[in-house]
Amino acid sequence: MVKVRWEYYVGTSREELPEKGTEGWELTAVTMVEGKECFYFKRPCPSIREELTLSQRRRALEAGGGSSL
């Protein structure tokens, strides 16, 4: 059985909801803290293979590769 590792994010702006959805975040709860809405998100952590690919892509773009891999 493969264990899923999760990463979490807490946001305070409704405007970021669509962006977080496209980034793979799942909204799990909304609460009020000191009169402000707090949005709680989770998504699976990338596997080591995915993380290496993302890291390589970032390095290529920072080096001026210009194209999106």
Protein backbone atom coordinates (compact mmCIF):
# COMPACT_ATOMS: atom_id res chain seq x y z
CA MET A 1 0.00 0.00 0.00
CA VAL A 2 1.37 3.39 -1.00
CA LYS A 3 1.01 6.17 1.56
CA VAL A 4 -0.04 9.54 0.22
CA ARG A 5 1.81 12.51 1.68
CA TRP A 6 -0.10 15.78 1.77
CA GLU A 7 0.89 19.41 1.70
CA TYR A 8 -1.35 22.14 3.09
CA TYR A 9 -2.03 25.79 2.40
CA VAL A 10 -4.11 28.38 4.25
CA GLY A 11 -5.38 31.35 2.26
CA THR A 12 -7.38 34.43 3.22
CA SER A 13 -8.56 35.74 -0.15
CA ARG A 14 -11.51 34.54 -2.25
CA GLU A 15 -9.71 35.85 -5.33
CA GLU A 16 -7.07 33.12 -5.10
CA LEU A 17 -9.61 30.27 -5.15
CA PRO A 18 -9.58 29.73 -8.97
CA GLU A 19 -5.77 29.86 -9.10
CA LYS A 20 -5.39 27.34 -6.30
CA GLY A 21 -7.81 25.01 -8.08
CA THR A 22 -5.75 25.09 -11.27
CA GLU A 23 -2.63 24.38 -9.19
CA GLY A 24 -4.22 21.16 -7.92
CA TRP A 25 -5.26 22.38 -4.47
CA GLU A 26 -8.50 21.02 -3.00
CA LEU A 27 -10.51 23.32 -0.72
CA THR A 28 -11.24 21.32 2.43
CA ALA A 29 -12.65 23.88 4.87
CA VAL A 30 -13.59 27.52 5.36
CA THR A 31 -13.59 29.14 8.79
CA MET A 32 -13.78 32.60 10.32
CA VAL A 33 -10.73 33.67 12.34
CA GLU A 34 -10.84 37.09 13.99
CA GLY A 35 -13.52 38.20 11.53
CA LYS A 36 -11.62 37.04 8.42
CA GLU A 37 -12.36 34.05 6.22
CA CYS A 38 -9.64 31.41 6.13
CA PHE A 39 -9.56 28.86 3.33
CA TYR A 40 -7.85 25.53 4.02
CA PHE A 41 -6.45 23.57 1.09
CA LYS A 42 -4.63 20.28 0.62
CA ARG A 43 -3.03 18.43 -2.28
CA PRO A 44 -0.86 15.35 -2.59
CA CYS A 45 2.87 16.03 -2.39
CA PRO A 46 4.61 15.33 -5.67
CA SER A 47 6.45 12.04 -5.98
CA ILE A 48 10.24 12.19 -6.12
CA ARG A 49 10.03 11.73 -9.91
CA GLU A 50 7.60 14.63 -10.26
CA GLU A 51 9.67 16.79 -7.92
CA LEU A 52 12.83 16.18 -9.94
CA THR A 53 11.00 17.03 -13.15
CA LEU A 54 9.64 20.26 -11.63
CA SER A 55 13.10 21.15 -10.32
CA GLN A 56 14.69 20.53 -13.72
CA ARG A 57 12.01 22.64 -15.42
CA ARG A 58 12.60 25.54 -13.02
CA ARG A 59 16.37 25.40 -13.60
CA ALA A 60 15.92 25.37 -17.39
CA LEU A 61 13.57 28.33 -17.29
CA GLU A 62 15.86 30.28 -14.95
CA ALA A 63 18.79 29.58 -17.26
CA GLY A 64 16.91 31.30 -20.07
CA GLY A 65 15.59 28.23 -21.82
CA GLY A 66 12.53 30.31 -22.62
CA SER A 67 10.27 27.45 -23.66
CA SER A 68 7.83 25.84 -21.29
CA LEU A 69 8.80 22.20 -20.93
